[in-house]
C-alpha atoms as a PDB file:
ATOM      1  CA  UNK A   1       4.153  54.466   1.645  1.00  0.00           C
ATOM      2  CA  UNK A   2       6.492  53.729  -1.250  1.00  0.00           C
ATOM      3  CA  UNK A   3      10.012  53.692   0.164  1.00  0.00           C
ATOM      4  CA  UNK A   4      13.136  53.476  -1.954  1.00  0.00           C
ATOM      5  CA  UNK A   5      16.862  53.478  -1.161  1.00  0.00           C
ATOM      6  CA  UNK A   6      19.010  55.170  -3.818  1.00  0.00           C
ATOM      7  CA  UNK A   7      22.761  54.559  -3.862  1.00  0.00           C
ATOM      8  CA  UNK A   8      24.666  56.566  -6.504  1.00  0.00           C
ATOM      9  CA  UNK A   9      28.091  58.170  -6.093  1.00  0.00           C
ATOM     10  CA  UNK A  10      27.666  60.863  -8.764  1.00  0.00           C
ATOM     11  CA  UNK A  11      25.862  63.831  -7.198  1.00  0.00           C
ATOM     12  CA  UNK A  12      24.248  65.097 -10.413  1.00  0.00           C
ATOM     13  CA  UNK A  13      22.793  61.702 -11.315  1.00  0.00           C
ATOM     14  CA  UNK A  14      21.681  61.025  -7.757  1.00  0.00           C
ATOM     15  CA  UNK A  15      19.874  64.383  -7.516  1.00  0.00           C
ATOM     16  CA  UNK A  16      18.206  63.736 -10.893  1.00  0.00           C
ATOM     17  CA  UNK A  17      17.010  60.306  -9.737  1.00  0.00           C
ATOM     18  CA  UNK A  18      15.801  61.545  -6.345  1.00  0.00           C
ATOM     19  CA  UNK A  19      13.801  64.454  -7.798  1.00  0.00           C
ATOM     20  CA  UNK A  20      12.014  62.296 -10.350  1.00  0.00           C
ATOM     21  CA  UNK A  21      11.182  59.558  -7.853  1.00  0.00           C
ATOM     22  CA  UNK A  22       9.876  62.086  -5.324  1.00  0.00           C
ATOM     23  CA  UNK A  23       7.669  63.617  -8.022  1.00  0.00           C
ATOM     24  CA  UNK A  24       6.260  60.139  -8.593  1.00  0.00           C
ATOM     25  CA  UNK A  25       5.300  59.721  -4.952  1.00  0.00           C
ATOM     26  CA  UNK A  26       8.266  57.801  -3.553  1.00  0.00           C
ATOM     27  CA  UNK A  27       9.850  58.468  -0.187  1.00  0.00           C
ATOM     28  CA  UNK A  28      13.541  58.478  -1.065  1.00  0.00           C
ATOM     29  CA  UNK A  29      16.558  57.864   1.136  1.00  0.00           C
ATOM     30  CA  UNK A  30      19.711  58.612  -0.845  1.00  0.00           C
ATOM     31  CA  UNK A  31      23.345  57.790  -0.124  1.00  0.00           C
ATOM     32  CA  UNK A  32      26.562  58.162  -2.105  1.00  0.00           C
ATOM     33  CA  UNK A  33      28.396  54.895  -1.361  1.00  0.00           C
ATOM     34  CA  UNK A  34      27.818  51.214  -0.740  1.00  0.00           C
ATOM     35  CA  UNK A  35      28.943  51.405   2.868  1.00  0.00           C
ATOM     36  CA  UNK A  36      26.257  53.975   3.654  1.00  0.00           C
ATOM     37  CA  UNK A  37      23.617  51.962   1.783  1.00  0.00           C
ATOM     38  CA  UNK A  38      24.231  48.935   4.002  1.00  0.00           C
ATOM     39  CA  UNK A  39      24.362  51.088   7.133  1.00  0.00           C
ATOM     40  CA  UNK A  40      21.089  52.880   6.360  1.00  0.00           C
ATOM     41  CA  UNK A  41      19.388  49.592   5.490  1.00  0.00           C
ATOM     42  CA  UNK A  42      20.308  48.232   8.935  1.00  0.00           C
ATOM     43  CA  UNK A  43      19.375  51.453  10.756  1.00  0.00           C
ATOM     44  CA  UNK A  44      15.913  51.411   9.181  1.00  0.00           C
ATOM     45  CA  UNK A  45      15.458  47.679   9.754  1.00  0.00           C
ATOM     46  CA  UNK A  46      15.242  46.984   6.042  1.00  0.00           C
ATOM     47  CA  UNK A  47      12.087  49.087   5.704  1.00  0.00           C
ATOM     48  CA  UNK A  48      12.409  49.677   1.961  1.00  0.00           C
ATOM     49  CA  UNK A  49      10.333  48.429  -0.946  1.00  0.00           C
ATOM     50  CA  UNK A  50      13.074  48.970  -3.534  1.00  0.00           C
ATOM     51  CA  UNK A  51      16.813  49.636  -3.699  1.00  0.00           C
ATOM     52  CA  UNK A  52      18.309  51.435  -6.702  1.00  0.00           C
ATOM     53  CA  UNK A  53      22.057  50.726  -6.826  1.00  0.00           C
ATOM     54  CA  UNK A  54      24.829  52.070  -9.036  1.00  0.00           C
ATOM     55  CA  UNK A  55      27.267  49.311 -10.002  1.00  0.00           C
ATOM     56  CA  UNK A  56      30.545  51.207 -10.300  1.00  0.00           C
ATOM     57  CA  UNK A  57      31.309  52.956  -7.008  1.00  0.00           C
ATOM     58  CA  UNK A  58      34.476  53.430  -4.951  1.00  0.00           C
ATOM     59  CA  UNK A  59      34.713  51.171  -1.931  1.00  0.00           C
ATOM     60  CA  UNK A  60      31.919  48.606  -1.836  1.00  0.00           C
ATOM     61  CA  UNK A  61      30.518  48.308  -5.351  1.00  0.00           C
ATOM     62  CA  UNK A  62      26.897  47.816  -6.354  1.00  0.00           C
ATOM     63  CA  UNK A  63      27.263  44.093  -7.024  1.00  0.00           C
ATOM     64  CA  UNK A  64      28.416  43.534  -3.435  1.00  0.00           C
ATOM     65  CA  UNK A  65      25.669  45.736  -2.002  1.00  0.00           C
ATOM     66  CA  UNK A  66      23.069  43.873  -4.073  1.00  0.00           C
ATOM     67  CA  UNK A  67      24.305  40.505  -2.851  1.00  0.00           C
ATOM     68  CA  UNK A  68      24.289  41.581   0.796  1.00  0.00           C
ATOM     69  CA  UNK A  69      20.839  43.176   0.578  1.00  0.00           C
ATOM     70  CA  UNK A  70      19.428  40.102  -1.146  1.00  0.00           C
ATOM     71  CA  UNK A  71      20.783  37.935   1.674  1.00  0.00           C
ATOM     72  CA  UNK A  72      18.843  40.098   4.118  1.00  0.00           C
ATOM     73  CA  UNK A  73      15.624  40.436   2.117  1.00  0.00           C
ATOM     74  CA  UNK A  74      14.102  38.170  -0.507  1.00  0.00           C
ATOM     75  CA  UNK A  75      11.104  40.445  -1.088  1.00  0.00           C
ATOM     76  CA  UNK A  76      12.675  43.876  -1.641  1.00  0.00           C
ATOM     77  CA  UNK A  77      12.994  44.941  -5.273  1.00  0.00           C
ATOM     78  CA  UNK A  78      16.549  45.663  -6.461  1.00  0.00           C
ATOM     79  CA  UNK A  79      17.386  47.624  -9.616  1.00  0.00           C
ATOM     80  CA  UNK A  80      20.957  48.177 -10.803  1.00  0.00           C
ATOM     81  CA  UNK A  81      22.180  51.360 -12.511  1.00  0.00           C
ATOM     82  CA  UNK A  82      25.135  51.016 -14.837  1.00  0.00           C
ATOM     83  CA  UNK A  83      26.940  52.875 -17.597  1.00  0.00           C
ATOM     84  CA  UNK A  84      28.128  49.498 -18.824  1.00  0.00           C
ATOM     85  CA  UNK A  85      26.350  47.920 -21.768  1.00  0.00           C
ATOM     86  CA  UNK A  86      28.163  44.586 -21.884  1.00  0.00           C
ATOM     87  CA  UNK A  87      25.828  41.620 -21.679  1.00  0.00           C
ATOM     88  CA  UNK A  88      27.799  39.893 -18.933  1.00  0.00           C
ATOM     89  CA  UNK A  89      27.421  42.848 -16.557  1.00  0.00           C
ATOM     90  CA  UNK A  90      23.650  42.686 -16.961  1.00  0.00           C
ATOM     91  CA  UNK A  91      23.585  38.916 -16.560  1.00  0.00           C
ATOM     92  CA  UNK A  92      25.897  39.143 -13.548  1.00  0.00           C
ATOM     93  CA  UNK A  93      23.572  41.582 -11.797  1.00  0.00           C
ATOM     94  CA  UNK A  94      20.569  39.317 -12.322  1.00  0.00           C
ATOM     95  CA  UNK A  95      22.431  36.193 -11.249  1.00  0.00           C
ATOM     96  CA  UNK A  96      23.277  37.665  -7.834  1.00  0.00           C
ATOM     97  CA  UNK A  97      19.684  38.660  -7.124  1.00  0.00           C
ATOM     98  CA  UNK A  98      18.848  41.937  -8.882  1.00  0.00           C
ATOM     99  CA  UNK A  99      15.356  42.201 -10.346  1.00  0.00           C
ATOM    100  CA  UNK A 100      16.226  44.573 -13.178  1.00  0.00           C
ATOM    101  CA  UNK A 101      18.924  46.887 -14.524  1.00  0.00           C
ATOM    102  CA  UNK A 102      18.826  50.321 -16.147  1.00  0.00           C
ATOM    103  CA  UNK A 103      21.630  51.405 -18.444  1.00  0.00           C
ATOM    104  CA  UNK A 104      22.836  55.020 -18.308  1.00  0.00           C
ATOM    105  CA  UNK A 105      21.878  57.397 -19.781  1.00  0.00           C
ATOM    106  CA  UNK A 106      18.174  56.931 -19.107  1.00  0.00           C
ATOM    107  CA  UNK A 107      15.118  59.158 -19.328  1.00  0.00           C
ATOM    108  CA  UNK A 108      12.974  60.078 -16.305  1.00  0.00           C
ATOM    109  CA  UNK A 109      10.010  58.232 -17.806  1.00  0.00           C
ATOM    110  CA  UNK A 110      12.014  55.026 -18.297  1.00  0.00           C
ATOM    111  CA  UNK A 111      13.430  55.133 -14.766  1.00  0.00           C
ATOM    112  CA  UNK A 112      10.053  55.720 -13.117  1.00  0.00           C
ATOM    113  CA  UNK A 113       8.368  53.071 -15.282  1.00  0.00           C
ATOM    114  CA  UNK A 114      10.955  50.453 -14.268  1.00  0.00           C
ATOM    115  CA  UNK A 115      10.703  51.390 -10.587  1.00  0.00           C
ATOM    116  CA  UNK A 116       6.889  51.379 -10.728  1.00  0.00           C
ATOM    117  CA  UNK A 117       6.905  47.906 -12.311  1.00  0.00           C
ATOM    118  CA  UNK A 118       9.076  46.511  -9.525  1.00  0.00           C
ATOM    119  CA  UNK A 119       6.970  48.229  -6.860  1.00  0.00           C
ATOM    120  CA  UNK A 120       3.749  46.752  -8.269  1.00  0.00           C
ATOM    121  CA  UNK A 121       5.304  43.308  -8.207  1.00  0.00           C
ATOM    122  CA  UNK A 122       6.501  43.681  -4.613  1.00  0.00           C
ATOM    123  CA  UNK A 123       3.076  44.782  -3.381  1.00  0.00           C
ATOM    124  CA  UNK A 124       1.272  42.156  -5.477  1.00  0.00           C
ATOM    125  CA  UNK A 125       3.356  39.352  -3.982  1.00  0.00           C
ATOM    126  CA  UNK A 126       2.776  40.628  -0.452  1.00  0.00           C
ATOM    127  CA  UNK A 127      -0.983  40.817  -1.028  1.00  0.00           C
ATOM    128  CA  UNK A 128      -1.222  37.363  -2.609  1.00  0.00           C
ATOM    129  CA  UNK A 129       0.510  35.779   0.358  1.00  0.00           C
ATOM    130  CA  UNK A 130      -2.614  36.401   2.434  1.00  0.00           C
ATOM    131  CA  UNK A 131      -5.086  34.927  -0.023  1.00  0.00           C
ATOM    132  CA  UNK A 132      -3.804  31.830  -1.799  1.00  0.00           C
ATOM    133  CA  UNK A 133      -3.553  28.249  -0.582  1.00  0.00           C
ATOM    134  CA  UNK A 134      -0.276  26.308  -0.995  1.00  0.00           C
ATOM    135  CA  UNK A 135       0.378  24.744  -4.401  1.00  0.00           C
ATOM    136  CA  UNK A 136       1.926  21.276  -4.692  1.00  0.00           C
ATOM    137  CA  UNK A 137       3.749  19.768  -7.643  1.00  0.00           C
ATOM    138  CA  UNK A 138       5.762  16.584  -7.234  1.00  0.00           C
ATOM    139  CA  UNK A 139       8.380  17.228  -4.522  1.00  0.00           C
ATOM    140  CA  UNK A 140       7.649  20.982  -4.477  1.00  0.00           C
ATOM    141  CA  UNK A 141       5.350  22.959  -2.191  1.00  0.00           C
ATOM    142  CA  UNK A 142       4.843  26.679  -2.815  1.00  0.00           C
ATOM    143  CA  UNK A 143       3.398  28.473   0.217  1.00  0.00           C
ATOM    144  CA  UNK A 144       2.085  32.020  -0.475  1.00  0.00           C
ATOM    145  CA  UNK A 145       1.560  32.831   3.217  1.00  0.00           C
ATOM    146  CA  UNK A 146       5.208  32.304   4.094  1.00  0.00           C
ATOM    147  CA  UNK A 147       6.369  33.083   0.529  1.00  0.00           C
ATOM    148  CA  UNK A 148       8.490  29.964   0.488  1.00  0.00           C
ATOM    149  CA  UNK A 149       9.244  27.033  -1.761  1.00  0.00           C
ATOM    150  CA  UNK A 150      10.293  23.659  -0.415  1.00  0.00           C
ATOM    151  CA  UNK A 151      11.577  20.629  -2.285  1.00  0.00           C
ATOM    152  CA  UNK A 152      11.132  17.348  -0.406  1.00  0.00           C
ATOM    153  CA  UNK A 153      10.559  19.460   2.693  1.00  0.00           C
ATOM    154  CA  UNK A 154      13.825  21.388   2.291  1.00  0.00           C
ATOM    155  CA  UNK A 155      13.618  25.171   1.880  1.00  0.00           C
ATOM    156  CA  UNK A 156      14.729  26.595  -1.478  1.00  0.00           C
ATOM    157  CA  UNK A 157      16.067  30.144  -1.197  1.00  0.00           C
ATOM    158  CA  UNK A 158      14.285  32.262  -3.844  1.00  0.00           C
ATOM    159  CA  UNK A 159      14.359  35.909  -4.824  1.00  0.00           C
ATOM    160  CA  UNK A 160      10.983  37.577  -5.320  1.00  0.00           C
ATOM    161  CA  UNK A 161      11.302  37.242  -9.111  1.00  0.00           C
ATOM    162  CA  UNK A 162      12.095  33.531  -8.840  1.00  0.00           C
ATOM    163  CA  UNK A 163       9.166  33.083  -6.475  1.00  0.00           C
ATOM    164  CA  UNK A 164       6.806  34.759  -8.928  1.00  0.00           C
ATOM    165  CA  UNK A 165       8.078  32.658 -11.821  1.00  0.00           C
ATOM    166  CA  UNK A 166       7.486  29.514  -9.760  1.00  0.00           C
ATOM    167  CA  UNK A 167       4.012  30.782  -8.880  1.00  0.00           C
ATOM    168  CA  UNK A 168       3.259  31.328 -12.579  1.00  0.00           C
ATOM    169  CA  UNK A 169       4.592  27.891 -13.547  1.00  0.00           C
ATOM    170  CA  UNK A 170       2.728  26.003 -10.826  1.00  0.00           C
ATOM    171  CA  UNK A 171      -0.541  27.680 -11.770  1.00  0.00           C
ATOM    172  CA  UNK A 172       0.052  26.593 -15.371  1.00  0.00           C
ATOM    173  CA  UNK A 173       1.419  23.061 -15.040  1.00  0.00           C
ATOM    174  CA  UNK A 174       2.204  21.329 -18.336  1.00  0.00           C
ATOM    175  CA  UNK A 175       1.307  24.498 -20.264  1.00  0.00           C
ATOM    176  CA  UNK A 176       3.825  26.030 -22.682  1.00  0.00           C
ATOM    177  CA  UNK A 177       4.276  29.682 -21.733  1.00  0.00           C
ATOM    178  CA  UNK A 178       5.618  32.086 -24.319  1.00  0.00           C
ATOM    179  CA  UNK A 179       8.595  34.219 -23.242  1.00  0.00           C
ATOM    180  CA  UNK A 180       6.583  37.372 -23.906  1.00  0.00           C
ATOM    181  CA  UNK A 181       3.823  36.180 -21.587  1.00  0.00           C
ATOM    182  CA  UNK A 182       6.289  35.421 -18.796  1.00  0.00           C
ATOM    183  CA  UNK A 183       7.835  38.869 -19.297  1.00  0.00           C
ATOM    184  CA  UNK A 184       4.442  40.571 -19.117  1.00  0.00           C
ATOM    185  CA  UNK A 185       3.232  38.570 -16.115  1.00  0.00           C
ATOM    186  CA  UNK A 186       6.407  39.113 -14.059  1.00  0.00           C
ATOM    187  CA  UNK A 187       7.825  42.439 -15.239  1.00  0.00           C
ATOM    188  CA  UNK A 188       4.657  44.139 -16.495  1.00  0.00           C
ATOM    189  CA  UNK A 189       3.365  45.058 -19.941  1.00  0.00           C
ATOM    190  CA  UNK A 190       5.286  48.356 -19.955  1.00  0.00           C
ATOM    191  CA  UNK A 191       8.690  46.805 -19.336  1.00  0.00           C
ATOM    192  CA  UNK A 192      11.432  48.675 -21.202  1.00  0.00           C
ATOM    193  CA  UNK A 193      14.206  46.105 -20.981  1.00  0.00           C
ATOM    194  CA  UNK A 194      15.397  43.081 -22.935  1.00  0.00           C
ATOM    195  CA  UNK A 195      13.314  39.893 -23.057  1.00  0.00           C
ATOM    196  CA  UNK A 196      16.549  38.008 -22.285  1.00  0.00           C
ATOM    197  CA  UNK A 197      15.904  38.862 -18.646  1.00  0.00           C
ATOM    198  CA  UNK A 198      13.440  35.942 -18.719  1.00  0.00           C
ATOM    199  CA  UNK A 199      16.125  33.477 -19.844  1.00  0.00           C
ATOM    200  CA  UNK A 200      18.618  34.661 -17.221  1.00  0.00           C
ATOM    201  CA  UNK A 201      16.114  34.226 -14.406  1.00  0.00           C
ATOM    202  CA  UNK A 202      15.064  30.805 -15.691  1.00  0.00           C
ATOM    203  CA  UNK A 203      18.717  29.752 -15.703  1.00  0.00           C
ATOM    204  CA  UNK A 204      19.150  30.989 -12.135  1.00  0.00           C
ATOM    205  CA  UNK A 205      15.957  29.251 -11.001  1.00  0.00           C
ATOM    206  CA  UNK A 206      17.026  25.964 -12.587  1.00  0.00           C
ATOM    207  CA  UNK A 207      20.278  26.106 -10.631  1.00  0.00           C
ATOM    208  CA  UNK A 208      18.230  26.154  -7.438  1.00  0.00           C
ATOM    209  CA  UNK A 209      15.503  23.600  -8.108  1.00  0.00           C
ATOM    210  CA  UNK A 210      16.767  21.090 -10.665  1.00  0.00           C
ATOM    211  CA  UNK A 211      18.749  17.972  -9.737  1.00  0.00           C
ATOM    212  CA  UNK A 212      20.765  18.514 -12.914  1.00  0.00           C
ATOM    213  CA  UNK A 213      20.392  22.124 -14.144  1.00  0.00           C
ATOM    214  CA  UNK A 214      22.064  21.296 -17.467  1.00  0.00           C
ATOM    215  CA  UNK A 215      19.421  18.625 -18.067  1.00  0.00           C
ATOM    216  CA  UNK A 216      16.277  20.104 -16.505  1.00  0.00           C
ATOM    217  CA  UNK A 217      13.392  17.844 -15.584  1.00  0.00           C
ATOM    218  CA  UNK A 218      10.881  20.412 -14.360  1.00  0.00           C
ATOM    219  CA  UNK A 219      11.437  23.666 -16.285  1.00  0.00           C
ATOM    220  CA  UNK A 220      11.547  22.537 -19.887  1.00  0.00           C
ATOM    221  CA  UNK A 221      12.579  24.739 -22.808  1.00  0.00           C
ATOM    222  CA  UNK A 222      10.155  24.960 -25.712  1.00  0.00           C
ATOM    223  CA  UNK A 223      12.586  26.008 -28.427  1.00  0.00           C
ATOM    224  CA  UNK A 224      11.644  29.146 -30.315  1.00  0.00           C
ATOM    225  CA  UNK A 225       8.700  29.726 -27.970  1.00  0.00           C
ATOM    226  CA  UNK A 226       9.298  29.711 -24.228  1.00  0.00           C
ATOM    227  CA  UNK A 227       9.162  27.371 -21.244  1.00  0.00           C
ATOM    228  CA  UNK A 228       6.890  24.780 -19.636  1.00  0.00           C
ATOM    229  CA  UNK A 229       6.595  23.383 -16.114  1.00  0.00           C
ATOM    230  CA  UNK A 230       6.580  19.612 -16.433  1.00  0.00           C
ATOM    231  CA  UNK A 231       4.515  17.939 -13.727  1.00  0.00           C
ATOM    232  CA  UNK A 232       6.537  15.014 -12.370  1.00  0.00           C
ATOM    233  CA  UNK A 233       5.153  12.542  -9.839  1.00  0.00           C
END
């Protein structure tokens, strides 16, 4: 079953979102504030594939809800809804653990396509965990069964997007990957958003795995093209 938690304080928008997701086969639990989103998540033991969160809400805002949900689940997909178009709001959402953002107003087809893309990624990661052997690169060990990354035996806390980027890099060591390929592999070939989402997630991943994020040793930038995982002994 495809389960999604929708948190939106405007009744008209929330009803619009719920109807379109239900028509697309999702089981929707909807709430009107951040407090209720966190409460329902706990009551249902985190049994959601995706959370769709409005950013601007009275009380606990969407950024805070996103951060708290991400602390509780690294595998659940999180999409932010926002009327804001400023770049920093989008970057901020991604930096605290969101997988994607949708700017209001949006069409039903765009919303469902973005949700479907996240759902496919969540299920794909869960399925791969059962099939693939661990991958080693220098001090790093990526374990699909436990969906974890360690560096020198120490656990690195990754979101599902970061995990998938690491999986892609470690399967293509020393290979320059074009931004568009990373976008397609991680977000799907029907992704509606900005390709800059790749750069934001790379920046966040570097902050977690590099000794000096401002001078990366492992994730190298190929200017005008993309990124490459540099195998280091």
